[in-house]
Amino acid sequence: MLEFHTAGESHGPAIVTLISGLPANLEIDISFINQELSRRQSGLGSGERMKIEKDEVEILGGVRWGKTLGGPVVLEVKNRDYENWSTLMDPQGSAPSSYEEITVPRPGHADLGGMIKYHFSDLRNVIERASARETVGKCVAGAIAKIFLRHFEVEVGGLVESIGMVSAQENLGWEEKVSRARHSPLHTYDPVKEKEMAALIEKAKREGDTLGGTFVVVAQGVVPGLGSYSEIQERLDSQLAFYLMGIPGIKGVEIGEGFRSATLRGSQFHDEIFYDPQHSPFPFYRQTFRSGGIEGGISVGDIIWARCAMKPIPTLRRGLMSVDIKEKKAIPARFERSDVCAVPRAMVVGEAMLAWVLATAYRDKLGGDSMEEVEAHFKDYITYLGTFCSM
């Protein structure tokens, strides 16, 4: 079974990703992983830390001469800002005599709940792990997943649909939307609305405020038959919702037109099935994609897509009111270096999580201890699909 775990703190020495379940002989493209990490750092609305960090991955184990060995793979991205925090975040040291604990939780963050759960008197212990800096590890795992999915001609992309109340409007196909978004500073596809989004972000920055928005992640080339209706853990839509909701700041996830489906009749929503022996890649196809390419927890062989809603970042320069945990006095929450709008960066993490879910589904479907076995099983499955479609 394919799994990943991350470790490390926002201002600690590094963010580490451990991946288990990869087959042997998967070629690891370091330059591609670094490219994905660079994408995570891009986009208007990013904070001051992006001027400090230039994330680059280093392989610590599980790979030899560029290929996986079949065991756990460990990858590290150093935090370049650690040199400025080495005393405060030293794993082996102790608190300086002048150190003052942080005791005012920020509304919208994990601060208060984390203090209660883990018996902390110092919020720094919560801030460091709850920080979105952890998504570096998610992006590393997602980049590996994208590399794996290349072997099955699956492409994963994404696009920002809205920032605040400004939404992209152009009526384009998914492929064109994703293509345009790749060349956009805001990862969106509508150049007119992009200017409005950028102006809105600048306005929020001047006013000491923050913005949220929505983004969509898309996968093309996915075979039918991934996932299952048999168990909740095996449903492809369950897994997608789990991993996408696990991205910091995400407060809503829908597969396809999930929320809109509640307002439509069945005759208006469900994607009708058609058959054409000349249709590529599969003769059974849909002309609409309102279900997001998943029905009953199983991929249907069409575009898979999901939409995520991200809340405004809760760290504001003009801090919201809170209470000092020790003194029990009302006080504005402190400002911790942060973005104004993280929707473009979260979209890249969303891509990573969609890729991870699909890579896991392919891994479960195909098995195999080496890439040679996996690819042989995939060819067999494609042959089976051809036989099924021609019955």
Protein backbone atom coordinates (compact mmCIF):
# COMPACT_ATOMS: atom_id res chain seq x y z
CA MET A 1 0.00 0.00 0.00
CA LEU A 2 1.28 3.44 -0.94
CA GLU A 3 1.61 5.82 2.02
CA PHE A 4 3.42 9.01 2.90
CA HIS A 5 4.22 10.82 6.13
CA THR A 6 5.82 14.19 6.74
CA ALA A 7 7.87 15.47 9.66
CA GLY A 8 9.39 18.78 10.63
CA GLU A 9 8.45 22.24 11.81
CA SER A 10 8.02 25.54 10.02
CA HIS A 11 11.25 27.03 11.37
CA GLY A 12 13.01 23.78 12.23
CA PRO A 13 15.95 22.32 10.31
CA ALA A 14 13.91 20.72 7.51
CA ILE A 15 10.67 19.22 6.24
CA VAL A 16 11.05 15.49 5.68
CA THR A 17 8.82 13.21 3.59
CA LEU A 18 8.79 9.42 3.98
CA ILE A 19 7.08 7.41 1.26
CA SER A 20 6.47 3.67 1.51
CA GLY A 21 4.98 1.31 -1.05
CA LEU A 22 6.72 2.57 -4.19
CA PRO A 23 7.77 -0.17 -6.61
CA ALA A 24 11.43 -0.67 -7.39
CA ASN A 25 12.99 0.91 -10.49
CA LEU A 26 10.84 4.02 -10.56
CA GLU A 27 13.08 6.75 -11.97
CA ILE A 28 13.07 9.82 -9.72
CA ASP A 29 13.25 13.15 -11.53
CA ILE A 30 14.77 15.55 -8.99
CA SER A 31 14.48 18.55 -11.29
CA PHE A 32 10.75 17.94 -11.65
CA ILE A 33 10.26 17.72 -7.87
CA ASN A 34 12.12 21.01 -7.44
CA GLN A 35 9.99 22.55 -10.18
CA GLU A 36 6.84 21.55 -8.28
CA LEU A 37 8.28 23.03 -5.07
CA SER A 38 8.99 26.25 -6.95
CA ARG A 39 5.38 26.34 -8.18
CA ARG A 40 4.19 26.02 -4.57
CA GLN A 41 6.13 29.17 -3.72
CA SER A 42 4.78 31.22 -6.63
CA GLY A 43 1.68 33.35 -7.01
CA LEU A 44 0.57 36.84 -6.05
CA GLY A 45 -0.30 37.26 -2.39
CA SER A 46 2.70 35.32 -1.04
CA GLY A 47 4.36 36.55 2.13
CA GLU A 48 7.89 37.69 2.91
CA ARG A 49 9.18 34.18 3.60
CA MET A 50 9.07 33.35 -0.10
CA LYS A 51 11.93 35.81 -0.57
CA ILE A 52 14.03 33.78 1.86
CA GLU A 53 13.26 30.18 0.95
CA LYS A 54 14.25 28.45 -2.29
CA ASP A 55 13.07 24.92 -1.74
CA GLU A 56 15.20 22.09 -3.10
CA VAL A 57 14.84 18.42 -2.32
CA GLU A 58 17.55 16.00 -1.23
CA ILE A 59 17.14 12.22 -1.23
CA LEU A 60 18.25 10.60 2.03
CA GLY A 61 17.34 6.99 1.34
CA GLY A 62 15.50 4.47 -0.82
CA VAL A 63 17.03 5.54 -4.16
CA ARG A 64 20.21 4.45 -5.91
CA TRP A 65 21.49 5.88 -9.17
CA GLY A 66 18.22 7.67 -9.73
CA LYS A 67 15.87 4.73 -9.24
CA THR A 68 13.84 3.49 -6.28
CA LEU A 69 14.96 0.32 -4.51
CA GLY A 70 11.54 -0.94 -3.41
CA GLY A 71 11.88 0.19 0.20
CA PRO A 72 10.85 3.43 1.93
CA VAL A 73 12.02 6.60 0.22
CA VAL A 74 13.05 9.53 2.43
CA LEU A 75 13.35 13.06 1.05
CA GLU A 76 14.34 16.28 2.79
CA VAL A 77 13.80 19.95 2.05
CA LYS A 78 15.92 22.17 4.27
CA ASN A 79 14.38 25.30 5.82
CA ARG A 80 16.78 28.07 4.89
CA ASP A 81 15.22 30.32 7.51
CA TYR A 82 16.34 27.89 10.23
CA GLU A 83 19.62 29.74 10.67
CA ASN A 84 17.60 32.69 11.97
CA TRP A 85 15.67 30.44 14.36
CA SER A 86 18.32 27.92 15.40
CA THR A 87 18.29 29.00 19.05
CA LEU A 88 14.51 29.06 19.38
CA MET A 89 14.02 25.80 17.44
CA ASP A 90 17.10 23.82 18.47
CA PRO A 91 16.00 20.16 18.91
CA GLN A 92 18.68 19.60 21.58
CA GLY A 93 18.83 22.94 23.41
CA SER A 94 16.69 24.72 25.96
CA ALA A 95 14.79 28.00 26.06
CA PRO A 96 16.95 31.16 26.38
CA SER A 97 16.51 33.01 29.69
CA SER A 98 14.98 35.97 27.83
CA TYR A 99 12.42 33.85 25.98
CA GLU A 100 8.75 34.74 26.49
CA GLU A 101 6.09 32.15 25.75
CA ILE A 102 3.39 32.98 23.21
CA THR A 103 0.05 32.83 25.01
CA VAL A 104 -2.45 34.65 22.76
CA PRO A 105 -4.14 32.24 20.31
CA ARG A 106 -5.07 33.51 16.86
CA PRO A 107 -8.71 33.02 15.79
CA GLY A 108 -9.01 30.61 12.87
CA HIS A 109 -5.77 28.77 13.64
CA ALA A 110 -5.04 25.53 15.49
CA ASP A 111 -3.57 27.58 18.36
CA LEU A 112 -6.15 27.22 21.13
CA GLY A 113 -7.21 23.67 20.31
CA GLY A 114 -3.58 22.58 20.04
CA MET A 115 -2.68 24.07 23.42
CA ILE A 116 -5.55 22.24 25.07
CA LYS A 117 -4.94 18.93 23.30
CA TYR A 118 -1.19 18.69 23.92
CA HIS A 119 -0.90 20.44 27.30
CA PHE A 120 1.21 23.26 25.87
CA SER A 121 1.70 26.58 27.62
CA ASP A 122 3.63 27.99 24.64
CA LEU A 123 1.83 28.46 21.36
CA ARG A 124 5.08 28.19 19.42
CA ASN A 125 4.78 24.40 19.77
CA VAL A 126 1.47 24.49 17.90
CA ILE A 127 2.36 27.13 15.33
CA GLU A 128 5.42 25.28 14.11
CA ARG A 129 3.72 22.03 13.08
CA ALA A 130 0.30 23.45 12.18
CA SER A 131 1.96 25.87 9.75
CA ALA A 132 1.28 25.53 6.02
CA ARG A 133 5.04 25.10 5.64
CA GLU A 134 4.27 21.39 6.13
CA THR A 135 2.72 21.37 2.64
CA VAL A 136 6.26 21.25 1.28
CA GLY A 137 6.20 17.57 2.27
CA LYS A 138 2.83 17.08 0.60
CA CYS A 139 4.17 18.59 -2.62
CA VAL A 140 7.18 16.28 -2.56
CA ALA A 141 4.87 13.27 -2.20
CA GLY A 142 2.61 14.63 -4.94
CA ALA A 143 5.55 15.18 -7.29
CA ILE A 144 6.60 11.56 -6.83
CA ALA A 145 2.99 10.56 -7.52
CA LYS A 146 2.98 12.60 -10.74
CA ILE A 147 6.21 10.89 -11.83
CA PHE A 148 4.57 7.49 -11.20
CA LEU A 149 1.41 8.52 -13.09
CA ARG A 150 3.45 9.46 -16.17
CA HIS A 151 3.79 5.73 -16.85
CA PHE A 152 0.02 5.55 -17.39
CA GLU A 153 -0.27 8.81 -19.38
CA VAL A 154 -2.18 10.57 -16.61
CA GLU A 155 -1.82 14.35 -16.46
CA VAL A 156 -2.74 16.35 -13.37
CA GLY A 157 -3.27 20.11 -13.41
CA GLY A 158 -5.15 22.85 -11.66
CA LEU A 159 -6.51 26.36 -11.89
CA VAL A 160 -7.69 29.15 -9.62
CA GLU A 161 -11.36 29.93 -10.21
CA SER A 162 -11.88 32.80 -7.81
CA ILE A 163 -10.21 35.18 -5.35
CA GLY A 164 -12.68 36.71 -2.93
CA MET A 165 -15.76 37.72 -4.92
CA VAL A 166 -13.91 37.89 -8.27
CA SER A 167 -14.39 34.80 -10.44
CA ALA A 168 -12.86 33.73 -13.74
CA GLN A 169 -15.55 33.80 -16.44
CA GLU A 170 -14.21 32.54 -19.78
CA ASN A 171 -16.06 29.47 -21.06
CA LEU A 172 -13.26 27.08 -22.06
CA GLY A 173 -12.57 23.36 -21.99
CA TRP A 174 -10.59 21.86 -19.10
CA GLU A 175 -7.45 21.36 -21.16
CA GLU A 176 -7.36 25.00 -22.27
CA LYS A 177 -8.12 26.27 -18.76
CA VAL A 178 -5.27 24.25 -17.22
CA SER A 179 -2.88 25.26 -20.01
CA ARG A 180 -3.59 28.97 -19.50
CA ALA A 181 -3.32 28.65 -15.71
CA ARG A 182 0.23 27.28 -16.03
CA HIS A 183 1.37 30.63 -17.44
CA SER A 184 -0.54 32.86 -15.04
CA PRO A 185 0.95 34.53 -11.94
CA LEU A 186 -2.31 33.73 -10.15
CA HIS A 187 -2.68 30.26 -11.71
CA THR A 188 -5.96 31.30 -13.33
CA TYR A 189 -7.18 31.21 -16.93
CA ASP A 190 -9.08 34.48 -17.42
CA PRO A 191 -6.63 37.37 -18.09
CA VAL A 192 -9.29 40.04 -17.57
CA LYS A 193 -10.47 38.74 -14.22
CA GLU A 194 -6.87 38.03 -13.23
CA LYS A 195 -6.20 41.79 -13.18
CA GLU A 196 -9.20 42.28 -10.91
CA MET A 197 -8.01 39.47 -8.62
CA ALA A 198 -4.53 41.02 -8.40
CA ALA A 199 -6.00 44.43 -7.56
CA LEU A 200 -8.17 42.86 -4.88
CA ILE A 201 -5.14 41.18 -3.30
CA GLU A 202 -3.19 44.46 -3.28
CA LYS A 203 -6.13 46.24 -1.67
CA ALA A 204 -6.40 43.59 1.06
CA LYS A 205 -2.67 43.87 1.68
CA ARG A 206 -2.86 47.65 2.13
CA GLU A 207 -5.73 47.22 4.56
CA GLY A 208 -3.96 44.54 6.62
CA ASP A 209 -6.52 41.93 5.62
CA THR A 210 -6.52 38.56 3.83
CA LEU A 211 -8.48 36.76 1.09
CA GLY A 212 -9.64 33.26 0.25
CA GLY A 213 -11.03 31.77 -2.94
CA THR A 214 -11.63 28.59 -4.90
CA PHE A 215 -9.49 26.38 -7.08
CA VAL A 216 -10.05 23.28 -9.19
CA VAL A 217 -7.76 20.28 -9.66
CA VAL A 218 -8.10 18.12 -12.76
CA ALA A 219 -6.79 14.74 -13.93
CA GLN A 220 -6.97 13.60 -17.55
CA GLY A 221 -6.26 10.16 -18.98
CA VAL A 222 -7.47 8.18 -15.96
CA VAL A 223 -8.68 4.64 -16.73
CA PRO A 224 -12.09 3.43 -15.56
CA GLY A 225 -12.30 1.01 -12.66
CA LEU A 226 -10.14 2.71 -10.01
CA GLY A 227 -11.51 2.79 -6.48
CA SER A 228 -14.48 0.76 -5.26
CA TYR A 229 -18.04 1.00 -3.97
CA SER A 230 -17.41 -1.89 -1.55
CA GLU A 231 -15.73 -0.08 1.38
CA ILE A 232 -15.74 3.56 2.45
CA GLN A 233 -11.91 3.61 2.57
CA GLU A 234 -11.72 2.37 -1.04
CA ARG A 235 -14.08 4.93 -2.57
CA LEU A 236 -12.13 7.28 -4.82
CA ASP A 237 -14.28 10.26 -3.87
CA SER A 238 -13.84 9.50 -0.14
CA GLN A 239 -10.08 9.50 -0.55
CA LEU A 240 -10.13 12.71 -2.58
CA ALA A 241 -12.24 14.51 0.01
CA PHE A 242 -9.93 13.28 2.80
CA TYR A 243 -6.69 14.43 1.22
CA LEU A 244 -8.00 17.71 -0.17
CA MET A 245 -9.63 18.66 3.14
CA GLY A 246 -6.28 17.95 4.79
CA ILE A 247 -4.72 20.97 3.08
CA PRO A 248 -4.48 23.87 5.56
CA GLY A 249 -7.21 26.45 5.04
CA ILE A 250 -9.53 24.27 2.95
CA LYS A 251 -13.09 24.44 4.30
CA GLY A 252 -15.06 22.90 1.44
CA VAL A 253 -14.50 20.18 -1.17
CA GLU A 254 -16.83 19.04 -3.92
CA ILE A 255 -16.31 16.33 -6.53
CA GLY A 256 -17.49 17.74 -9.82
CA GLU A 257 -20.59 19.89 -9.46
CA GLY A 258 -21.31 18.39 -6.06
CA PHE A 259 -22.99 21.34 -4.37
CA ARG A 260 -24.85 22.43 -7.50
CA SER A 261 -26.25 18.90 -7.83
CA ALA A 262 -28.41 19.58 -4.78
CA THR A 263 -30.29 22.25 -6.76
CA LEU A 264 -30.88 20.21 -9.93
CA ARG A 265 -33.17 17.40 -10.99
CA GLY A 266 -31.68 14.04 -11.82
CA SER A 267 -32.41 14.61 -15.49
CA GLN A 268 -30.34 17.79 -15.35
CA PHE A 269 -27.34 16.52 -13.39
CA HIS A 270 -26.34 12.96 -14.23
CA ASP A 271 -23.87 12.39 -17.06
CA GLU A 272 -25.49 10.28 -19.76
CA ILE A 273 -23.49 7.38 -21.22
CA PHE A 274 -22.72 7.08 -24.95
CA TYR A 275 -20.94 4.49 -27.06
CA ASP A 276 -18.76 5.04 -30.11
CA PRO A 277 -16.19 2.39 -31.12
CA GLN A 278 -14.03 5.17 -32.56
CA HIS A 279 -14.01 7.25 -29.39
CA SER A 280 -10.58 7.52 -27.74
CA PRO A 281 -9.39 6.24 -25.36
CA PHE A 282 -12.57 4.30 -24.45
CA PRO A 283 -15.73 3.80 -26.52
CA PHE A 284 -18.00 4.29 -23.49
CA TYR A 285 -17.94 8.02 -22.74
CA ARG A 286 -19.83 11.04 -21.38
CA GLN A 287 -20.45 14.40 -23.01
CA THR A 288 -20.74 16.14 -19.64
CA PHE A 289 -18.56 15.83 -16.53
CA ARG A 290 -20.84 17.01 -13.73
CA SER A 291 -20.08 13.95 -11.60
CA GLY A 292 -16.38 14.81 -11.61
CA GLY A 293 -15.46 11.55 -13.35
CA ILE A 294 -16.39 9.38 -10.36
CA GLU A 295 -19.61 7.41 -9.86
CA GLY A 296 -20.26 5.11 -6.90
CA GLY A 297 -16.69 5.66 -5.73
CA ILE A 298 -15.20 4.37 -9.01
CA SER A 299 -13.51 6.23 -11.87
CA VAL A 300 -15.54 6.09 -15.09
CA GLY A 301 -12.72 6.83 -17.53
CA ASP A 302 -13.45 10.53 -18.00
CA ILE A 303 -11.85 13.70 -16.63
CA ILE A 304 -11.68 13.65 -12.83
CA TRP A 305 -12.04 17.03 -11.18
CA ALA A 306 -12.71 18.52 -7.76
CA ARG A 307 -13.25 22.04 -6.47
CA CYS A 308 -11.86 23.35 -3.16
CA ALA A 309 -12.90 26.41 -1.17
CA MET A 310 -10.13 28.07 0.83
CA LYS A 311 -10.90 30.42 3.71
CA PRO A 312 -9.09 33.74 4.13
CA ILE A 313 -5.79 33.28 5.98
CA PRO A 314 -6.54 33.88 9.69
CA THR A 315 -3.26 35.69 10.43
CA LEU A 316 -4.06 39.38 9.92
CA ARG A 317 -1.80 42.40 10.34
CA ARG A 318 -4.70 44.09 12.10
CA GLY A 319 -5.17 41.22 14.51
CA LEU A 320 -8.58 39.86 15.46
CA MET A 321 -9.56 39.96 19.11
CA SER A 322 -8.48 37.08 21.32
CA VAL A 323 -7.71 36.30 24.98
CA ASP A 324 -4.35 35.87 26.71
CA ILE A 325 -4.43 32.28 28.01
CA LYS A 326 -2.39 33.13 31.11
CA GLU A 327 -3.78 36.53 32.07
CA LYS A 328 -7.32 35.90 30.77
CA LYS A 329 -7.39 39.42 29.32
CA ALA A 330 -8.81 40.52 25.98
CA ILE A 331 -6.05 41.39 23.51
CA PRO A 332 -5.59 41.53 19.72
CA ALA A 333 -3.93 38.42 18.29
CA ARG A 334 -0.28 38.80 17.33
CA PHE A 335 0.87 38.86 13.72
CA GLU A 336 2.93 35.86 12.58
CA ARG A 337 4.57 36.34 9.17
CA SER A 338 2.02 35.17 6.63
CA ASP A 339 0.55 35.47 3.14
CA VAL A 340 -2.24 37.82 2.11
CA CYS A 341 -3.76 35.21 -0.20
CA ALA A 342 -2.56 31.60 -0.50
CA VAL A 343 -5.12 30.26 -2.98
CA PRO A 344 -2.64 29.97 -5.92
CA ARG A 345 -0.17 28.11 -3.72
CA ALA A 346 -2.87 25.88 -2.22
CA MET A 347 -3.91 24.91 -5.75
CA VAL A 348 -0.46 23.40 -6.32
CA VAL A 349 -0.84 21.40 -3.10
CA GLY A 350 -4.30 20.34 -4.31
CA GLU A 351 -2.74 19.01 -7.50
CA ALA A 352 -0.27 17.07 -5.37
CA MET A 353 -3.04 15.47 -3.33
CA LEU A 354 -5.12 14.57 -6.40
CA ALA A 355 -2.02 12.98 -7.92
CA TRP A 356 -1.36 11.09 -4.67
CA VAL A 357 -4.88 9.66 -4.53
CA LEU A 358 -4.70 8.52 -8.14
CA ALA A 359 -1.21 7.05 -7.74
CA THR A 360 -2.48 5.10 -4.73
CA ALA A 361 -5.46 3.86 -6.74
CA TYR A 362 -3.26 2.72 -9.63
CA ARG A 363 -0.88 1.06 -7.15
CA ASP A 364 -3.75 -0.82 -5.51
CA LYS A 365 -5.19 -1.84 -8.87
CA LEU A 366 -1.97 -3.02 -10.51
CA GLY A 367 0.22 -4.31 -7.66
CA GLY A 368 3.75 -5.42 -8.57
CA ASP A 369 7.11 -5.12 -6.82
CA SER A 370 8.90 -3.38 -9.70
CA MET A 371 7.94 -0.87 -12.36
CA GLU A 372 8.41 -3.64 -14.92
CA GLU A 373 5.69 -5.68 -13.21
CA VAL A 374 3.43 -2.68 -12.74
CA GLU A 375 3.66 -1.72 -16.41
CA ALA A 376 3.03 -5.32 -17.50
CA HIS A 377 -0.09 -5.44 -15.32
CA PHE A 378 -1.21 -2.12 -16.80
CA LYS A 379 -0.89 -3.48 -20.34
CA ASP A 380 -2.97 -6.49 -19.30
CA TYR A 381 -5.62 -4.19 -17.88
CA ILE A 382 -5.74 -2.10 -21.06
CA THR A 383 -6.15 -5.33 -23.03
CA TYR A 384 -8.99 -6.35 -20.71
CA LEU A 385 -10.69 -2.97 -21.21
CA GLY A 386 -10.49 -3.42 -24.97
CA THR A 387 -12.04 -6.86 -24.66
CA PHE A 388 -14.80 -5.59 -22.36
CA CYS A 389 -15.64 -2.71 -24.65
CA SER A 390 -15.89 -4.96 -27.71
CA MET A 391 -18.09 -7.66 -26.14
